[in-house]
Amino acid sequence: LSLFISKRYLFRFHFSPKKISYKKISKYIWILLVQIVLSALRSLHTIVTFQTHVQIVKIHTQLQDDFSIFILANSITLTPGTITLLREGQNLFVLCLYKLPSSSKEAGAVIKDHFETILLEE
């Protein structure tokens, strides 16, 4: 529902979401909920132990279309401890509360792989 409202009132460019099966949507929502809970626990631990390590990470995605990148960016922002700040083409800049691997590729894997894998499925 929020996607269709956003499309109608917020976006100035045209995009058309692909036909997505209910099975894929259900799987994605399940993974999103699991990641929200895991990230909440990780963020809570980070805050309680005073081990915050705020950083901005550049993440490259294999997704090609605007709609899929939009979904990925919003999913990252929904998980506690991460906020998508900027998109430049296939790159997302993400503010992260906790320590990540120093390699941008490894950091991206921690943040986006659960979501991107499902979005890349046909």
N, C-alpha and C. Protein backbone atom coordinates (compact mmCIF):
# COMPACT_ATOMS: atom_id res chain seq x y z
N LEU A 1 0.83 -1.19 0.00
CA LEU A 1 0.00 0.00 0.00
C LEU A 1 0.87 1.25 0.00
N SER A 2 1.94 1.22 0.84
CA SER A 2 2.81 2.41 0.89
C SER A 2 3.53 2.64 -0.43
N LEU A 3 3.84 1.56 -1.16
CA LEU A 3 4.50 1.71 -2.46
C LEU A 3 3.61 2.44 -3.45
N PHE A 4 2.34 2.08 -3.47
CA PHE A 4 1.43 2.71 -4.41
C PHE A 4 1.14 4.16 -4.03
N ILE A 5 1.05 4.45 -2.75
CA ILE A 5 0.88 5.84 -2.31
C ILE A 5 2.11 6.65 -2.66
N SER A 6 3.29 6.07 -2.41
CA SER A 6 4.55 6.76 -2.74
C SER A 6 4.64 7.03 -4.23
N LYS A 7 4.28 6.03 -5.02
CA LYS A 7 4.34 6.20 -6.47
C LYS A 7 3.43 7.33 -6.93
N ARG A 8 2.26 7.37 -6.34
CA ARG A 8 1.28 8.37 -6.78
C ARG A 8 1.64 9.79 -6.33
N TYR A 9 2.14 9.95 -5.11
CA TYR A 9 2.31 11.30 -4.56
C TYR A 9 3.76 11.76 -4.40
N LEU A 10 4.73 10.86 -4.37
CA LEU A 10 6.10 11.26 -4.07
C LEU A 10 7.04 11.22 -5.26
N PHE A 11 6.82 10.32 -6.19
CA PHE A 11 7.78 10.16 -7.27
C PHE A 11 7.44 11.04 -8.45
N ARG A 12 8.46 11.67 -9.00
CA ARG A 12 8.29 12.54 -10.15
C ARG A 12 8.72 11.82 -11.44
N PHE A 13 9.32 10.66 -11.32
CA PHE A 13 9.71 9.90 -12.50
C PHE A 13 8.77 8.70 -12.62
N HIS A 14 8.71 8.14 -13.79
CA HIS A 14 7.83 7.00 -14.02
C HIS A 14 8.58 5.71 -13.76
N PHE A 15 8.00 4.86 -13.00
CA PHE A 15 8.52 3.52 -12.86
C PHE A 15 7.35 2.57 -12.74
N SER A 16 7.55 1.38 -13.22
CA SER A 16 6.47 0.38 -13.12
C SER A 16 7.02 -0.84 -12.42
N PRO A 17 6.46 -1.17 -11.27
CA PRO A 17 6.93 -2.34 -10.57
C PRO A 17 6.68 -3.60 -11.39
N LYS A 18 7.63 -4.53 -11.31
CA LYS A 18 7.48 -5.80 -12.01
C LYS A 18 6.34 -6.58 -11.36
N LYS A 19 5.80 -7.49 -12.11
CA LYS A 19 4.83 -8.40 -11.50
C LYS A 19 5.60 -9.29 -10.54
N ILE A 20 5.16 -9.30 -9.31
CA ILE A 20 5.83 -10.08 -8.28
C ILE A 20 4.82 -11.08 -7.71
N SER A 21 5.24 -12.30 -7.57
CA SER A 21 4.35 -13.33 -7.06
C SER A 21 4.12 -13.14 -5.56
N TYR A 22 2.97 -13.64 -5.11
CA TYR A 22 2.66 -13.57 -3.68
C TYR A 22 3.67 -14.37 -2.87
N LYS A 23 4.16 -15.44 -3.44
CA LYS A 23 5.17 -16.27 -2.75
C LYS A 23 6.44 -15.45 -2.51
N LYS A 24 6.85 -14.71 -3.51
CA LYS A 24 8.06 -13.89 -3.39
C LYS A 24 7.84 -12.75 -2.38
N ILE A 25 6.67 -12.13 -2.42
CA ILE A 25 6.35 -11.05 -1.48
C ILE A 25 6.34 -11.59 -0.05
N SER A 26 5.72 -12.74 0.14
CA SER A 26 5.67 -13.35 1.48
C SER A 26 7.07 -13.68 1.98
N LYS A 27 7.88 -14.24 1.12
CA LYS A 27 9.27 -14.58 1.48
C LYS A 27 10.04 -13.31 1.85
N TYR A 28 9.86 -12.26 1.05
CA TYR A 28 10.58 -11.01 1.30
C TYR A 28 10.16 -10.39 2.63
N ILE A 29 8.86 -10.37 2.90
CA ILE A 29 8.37 -9.79 4.15
C ILE A 29 8.90 -10.59 5.34
N TRP A 30 8.93 -11.91 5.21
CA TRP A 30 9.45 -12.75 6.29
C TRP A 30 10.93 -12.42 6.55
N ILE A 31 11.74 -12.36 5.50
CA ILE A 31 13.17 -12.03 5.65
C ILE A 31 13.32 -10.64 6.24
N LEU A 32 12.52 -9.69 5.80
CA LEU A 32 12.58 -8.32 6.32
C LEU A 32 12.29 -8.31 7.82
N LEU A 33 11.25 -9.01 8.25
CA LEU A 33 10.91 -9.05 9.67
C LEU A 33 12.02 -9.70 10.50
N VAL A 34 12.57 -10.77 10.00
CA VAL A 34 13.68 -11.43 10.71
C VAL A 34 14.87 -10.48 10.82
N GLN A 35 15.20 -9.79 9.73
CA GLN A 35 16.34 -8.86 9.75
C GLN A 35 16.08 -7.67 10.67
N ILE A 36 14.84 -7.22 10.75
CA ILE A 36 14.51 -6.13 11.67
C ILE A 36 14.76 -6.56 13.11
N VAL A 37 14.33 -7.76 13.46
CA VAL A 37 14.53 -8.26 14.83
C VAL A 37 16.02 -8.44 15.12
N LEU A 38 16.75 -9.09 14.19
CA LEU A 38 18.18 -9.31 14.41
C LEU A 38 18.94 -7.98 14.51
N SER A 39 18.60 -7.03 13.66
CA SER A 39 19.27 -5.72 13.71
C SER A 39 18.93 -4.96 14.98
N ALA A 40 17.69 -5.11 15.44
CA ALA A 40 17.30 -4.45 16.69
C ALA A 40 18.13 -5.00 17.85
N LEU A 41 18.30 -6.31 17.89
CA LEU A 41 19.11 -6.92 18.95
C LEU A 41 20.57 -6.48 18.85
N ARG A 42 21.09 -6.45 17.63
CA ARG A 42 22.48 -6.03 17.42
C ARG A 42 22.66 -4.57 17.81
N SER A 43 21.73 -3.72 17.43
CA SER A 43 21.82 -2.30 17.77
C SER A 43 21.69 -2.08 19.27
N LEU A 44 20.79 -2.81 19.89
CA LEU A 44 20.63 -2.71 21.34
C LEU A 44 21.92 -3.09 22.06
N HIS A 45 22.53 -4.19 21.63
CA HIS A 45 23.80 -4.62 22.21
C HIS A 45 24.89 -3.56 22.00
N THR A 46 24.94 -3.00 20.82
CA THR A 46 25.93 -1.97 20.49
C THR A 46 25.77 -0.75 21.39
N ILE A 47 24.55 -0.33 21.61
CA ILE A 47 24.29 0.86 22.42
C ILE A 47 24.55 0.59 23.90
N VAL A 48 24.07 -0.55 24.41
CA VAL A 48 24.22 -0.87 25.82
C VAL A 48 25.68 -1.05 26.22
N THR A 49 26.48 -1.61 25.32
CA THR A 49 27.91 -1.83 25.62
C THR A 49 28.79 -0.65 25.22
N PHE A 50 28.19 0.43 24.77
CA PHE A 50 28.92 1.64 24.35
C PHE A 50 29.96 1.35 23.28
N GLN A 51 29.64 0.47 22.35
CA GLN A 51 30.57 0.11 21.28
C GLN A 51 30.10 0.63 19.92
N THR A 52 29.48 1.80 19.94
CA THR A 52 29.02 2.36 18.67
C THR A 52 30.22 2.71 17.79
N HIS A 53 30.05 2.50 16.54
CA HIS A 53 31.08 2.81 15.55
C HIS A 53 30.38 3.35 14.32
N VAL A 54 29.95 4.61 14.41
CA VAL A 54 29.17 5.22 13.33
C VAL A 54 30.05 5.42 12.10
N GLN A 55 29.53 4.98 10.97
CA GLN A 55 30.28 5.10 9.72
C GLN A 55 29.32 5.16 8.55
N ILE A 56 29.79 5.72 7.46
CA ILE A 56 29.03 5.73 6.22
C ILE A 56 29.71 4.76 5.27
N VAL A 57 28.93 3.83 4.74
CA VAL A 57 29.45 2.78 3.88
C VAL A 57 28.85 2.91 2.49
N LYS A 58 29.70 2.80 1.48
CA LYS A 58 29.22 2.81 0.09
C LYS A 58 28.98 1.35 -0.31
N ILE A 59 27.74 1.07 -0.70
CA ILE A 59 27.36 -0.29 -1.05
C ILE A 59 26.94 -0.33 -2.51
N HIS A 60 27.55 -1.23 -3.26
CA HIS A 60 27.18 -1.41 -4.67
C HIS A 60 26.16 -2.55 -4.75
N THR A 61 25.09 -2.31 -5.48
CA THR A 61 24.06 -3.33 -5.67
C THR A 61 24.08 -3.85 -7.10
N GLN A 62 23.70 -5.09 -7.26
CA GLN A 62 23.60 -5.68 -8.60
C GLN A 62 22.24 -5.40 -9.23
N LEU A 63 21.33 -4.83 -8.47
CA LEU A 63 20.00 -4.53 -8.99
C LEU A 63 20.09 -3.47 -10.07
N GLN A 64 19.27 -3.60 -11.09
CA GLN A 64 19.33 -2.70 -12.23
C GLN A 64 18.21 -1.66 -12.27
N ASP A 65 17.00 -2.06 -11.89
CA ASP A 65 15.86 -1.15 -12.07
C ASP A 65 15.60 -0.30 -10.82
N ASP A 66 15.03 0.86 -11.05
CA ASP A 66 14.77 1.83 -9.98
C ASP A 66 13.88 1.27 -8.88
N PHE A 67 12.86 0.51 -9.27
CA PHE A 67 11.92 -0.02 -8.29
C PHE A 67 12.62 -0.96 -7.31
N SER A 68 13.44 -1.87 -7.81
CA SER A 68 14.14 -2.82 -6.93
C SER A 68 15.14 -2.10 -6.02
N ILE A 69 15.82 -1.11 -6.55
CA ILE A 69 16.77 -0.35 -5.73
C ILE A 69 16.01 0.45 -4.67
N PHE A 70 14.85 0.97 -5.03
CA PHE A 70 13.99 1.68 -4.09
C PHE A 70 13.58 0.76 -2.93
N ILE A 71 13.17 -0.46 -3.25
CA ILE A 71 12.77 -1.44 -2.23
C ILE A 71 13.96 -1.79 -1.34
N LEU A 72 15.12 -2.00 -1.94
CA LEU A 72 16.33 -2.33 -1.17
C LEU A 72 16.69 -1.20 -0.22
N ALA A 73 16.70 0.03 -0.71
CA ALA A 73 17.06 1.19 0.12
C ALA A 73 16.09 1.34 1.30
N ASN A 74 14.81 1.16 1.05
CA ASN A 74 13.82 1.26 2.12
C ASN A 74 13.95 0.12 3.13
N SER A 75 14.27 -1.06 2.65
CA SER A 75 14.45 -2.19 3.55
C SER A 75 15.66 -1.99 4.46
N ILE A 76 16.73 -1.44 3.90
CA ILE A 76 17.92 -1.14 4.72
C ILE A 76 17.57 -0.11 5.78
N THR A 77 16.82 0.90 5.41
CA THR A 77 16.44 1.94 6.36
C THR A 77 15.50 1.41 7.44
N LEU A 78 14.66 0.45 7.10
CA LEU A 78 13.75 -0.13 8.09
C LEU A 78 14.46 -0.96 9.16
N THR A 79 15.62 -1.48 8.85
CA THR A 79 16.34 -2.28 9.84
C THR A 79 17.06 -1.34 10.80
N PRO A 80 16.89 -1.53 12.11
CA PRO A 80 17.52 -0.64 13.10
C PRO A 80 19.05 -0.62 12.96
N GLY A 81 19.59 0.56 13.12
CA GLY A 81 21.05 0.73 13.05
C GLY A 81 21.57 1.11 11.70
N THR A 82 20.71 1.17 10.68
CA THR A 82 21.14 1.56 9.34
C THR A 82 20.13 2.52 8.72
N ILE A 83 20.66 3.49 7.98
CA ILE A 83 19.82 4.45 7.26
C ILE A 83 20.44 4.68 5.88
N THR A 84 19.65 4.53 4.84
CA THR A 84 20.13 4.83 3.50
C THR A 84 20.09 6.34 3.32
N LEU A 85 21.24 6.93 3.04
CA LEU A 85 21.35 8.38 2.92
C LEU A 85 21.22 8.88 1.48
N LEU A 86 21.81 8.12 0.55
CA LEU A 86 21.92 8.63 -0.82
C LEU A 86 22.01 7.48 -1.79
N ARG A 87 21.47 7.70 -2.97
CA ARG A 87 21.63 6.74 -4.06
C ARG A 87 22.29 7.45 -5.23
N GLU A 88 23.32 6.82 -5.75
CA GLU A 88 23.96 7.28 -6.98
C GLU A 88 24.06 6.09 -7.91
N GLY A 89 23.14 6.00 -8.84
CA GLY A 89 23.12 4.85 -9.75
C GLY A 89 22.86 3.57 -8.99
N GLN A 90 23.83 2.66 -9.07
CA GLN A 90 23.71 1.38 -8.37
C GLN A 90 24.43 1.39 -7.02
N ASN A 91 24.83 2.55 -6.56
CA ASN A 91 25.49 2.66 -5.27
C ASN A 91 24.57 3.31 -4.25
N LEU A 92 24.57 2.74 -3.05
CA LEU A 92 23.82 3.30 -1.94
C LEU A 92 24.82 3.69 -0.86
N PHE A 93 24.62 4.84 -0.26
CA PHE A 93 25.44 5.27 0.86
C PHE A 93 24.61 5.08 2.12
N VAL A 94 25.12 4.25 3.02
CA VAL A 94 24.35 3.85 4.20
C VAL A 94 25.09 4.27 5.46
N LEU A 95 24.37 4.95 6.36
CA LEU A 95 24.89 5.30 7.68
C LEU A 95 24.64 4.10 8.58
N CYS A 96 25.68 3.63 9.23
CA CYS A 96 25.57 2.43 10.05
C CYS A 96 26.06 2.72 11.46
N LEU A 97 25.36 2.19 12.45
CA LEU A 97 25.64 2.43 13.86
C LEU A 97 26.74 1.52 14.40
N TYR A 98 26.88 0.34 13.84
CA TYR A 98 27.81 -0.65 14.38
C TYR A 98 28.99 -0.91 13.45
N LYS A 99 30.01 -1.54 13.97
CA LYS A 99 31.23 -1.81 13.22
C LYS A 99 30.97 -2.85 12.14
N LEU A 100 31.46 -2.54 10.95
CA LEU A 100 31.34 -3.43 9.81
C LEU A 100 32.74 -3.79 9.31
N PRO A 101 32.85 -4.83 8.49
CA PRO A 101 34.15 -5.13 7.88
C PRO A 101 34.68 -3.93 7.10
N SER A 102 35.98 -3.79 7.03
CA SER A 102 36.58 -2.62 6.37
C SER A 102 36.36 -2.63 4.86
N SER A 103 36.25 -3.78 4.27
CA SER A 103 36.00 -3.87 2.83
C SER A 103 34.56 -3.47 2.52
N SER A 104 34.39 -2.60 1.54
CA SER A 104 33.06 -2.15 1.15
C SER A 104 32.21 -3.32 0.67
N LYS A 105 32.83 -4.27 -0.01
CA LYS A 105 32.11 -5.43 -0.52
C LYS A 105 31.60 -6.30 0.64
N GLU A 106 32.44 -6.54 1.63
CA GLU A 106 32.04 -7.34 2.79
C GLU A 106 30.98 -6.62 3.63
N ALA A 107 31.15 -5.32 3.79
CA ALA A 107 30.16 -4.52 4.54
C ALA A 107 28.82 -4.56 3.82
N GLY A 108 28.85 -4.45 2.51
CA GLY A 108 27.62 -4.53 1.72
C GLY A 108 26.94 -5.87 1.88
N ALA A 109 27.73 -6.92 1.96
CA ALA A 109 27.17 -8.26 2.13
C ALA A 109 26.41 -8.36 3.45
N VAL A 110 26.95 -7.78 4.50
CA VAL A 110 26.30 -7.81 5.81
C VAL A 110 24.98 -7.06 5.77
N ILE A 111 24.95 -5.94 5.09
CA ILE A 111 23.78 -5.06 5.09
C ILE A 111 22.71 -5.47 4.08
N LYS A 112 23.10 -5.83 2.87
CA LYS A 112 22.11 -5.94 1.79
C LYS A 112 21.85 -7.34 1.26
N ASP A 113 22.72 -8.29 1.49
CA ASP A 113 22.61 -9.57 0.79
C ASP A 113 21.31 -10.32 1.03
N HIS A 114 20.77 -10.26 2.23
CA HIS A 114 19.52 -10.97 2.51
C HIS A 114 18.39 -10.45 1.61
N PHE A 115 18.37 -9.15 1.42
CA PHE A 115 17.32 -8.53 0.61
C PHE A 115 17.60 -8.67 -0.88
N GLU A 116 18.82 -8.38 -1.26
CA GLU A 116 19.18 -8.36 -2.67
C GLU A 116 19.00 -9.73 -3.33
N THR A 117 19.31 -10.79 -2.60
CA THR A 117 19.17 -12.13 -3.14
C THR A 117 17.75 -12.39 -3.59
N ILE A 118 16.79 -12.00 -2.78
CA ILE A 118 15.38 -12.22 -3.14
C ILE A 118 14.96 -11.30 -4.29
N LEU A 119 15.42 -10.07 -4.26
CA LEU A 119 15.05 -9.12 -5.32
C LEU A 119 15.64 -9.51 -6.67
N LEU A 120 16.76 -10.23 -6.67
CA LEU A 120 17.37 -10.67 -7.93
C LEU A 120 16.71 -11.92 -8.51
N GLU A 121 15.95 -12.63 -7.68
CA GLU A 121 15.27 -13.83 -8.17
C GLU A 121 14.26 -13.48 -9.25
N GLU A 122 14.16 -14.33 -10.22
CA GLU A 122 13.17 -14.13 -11.31
C GLU A 122 11.89 -14.82 -10.99
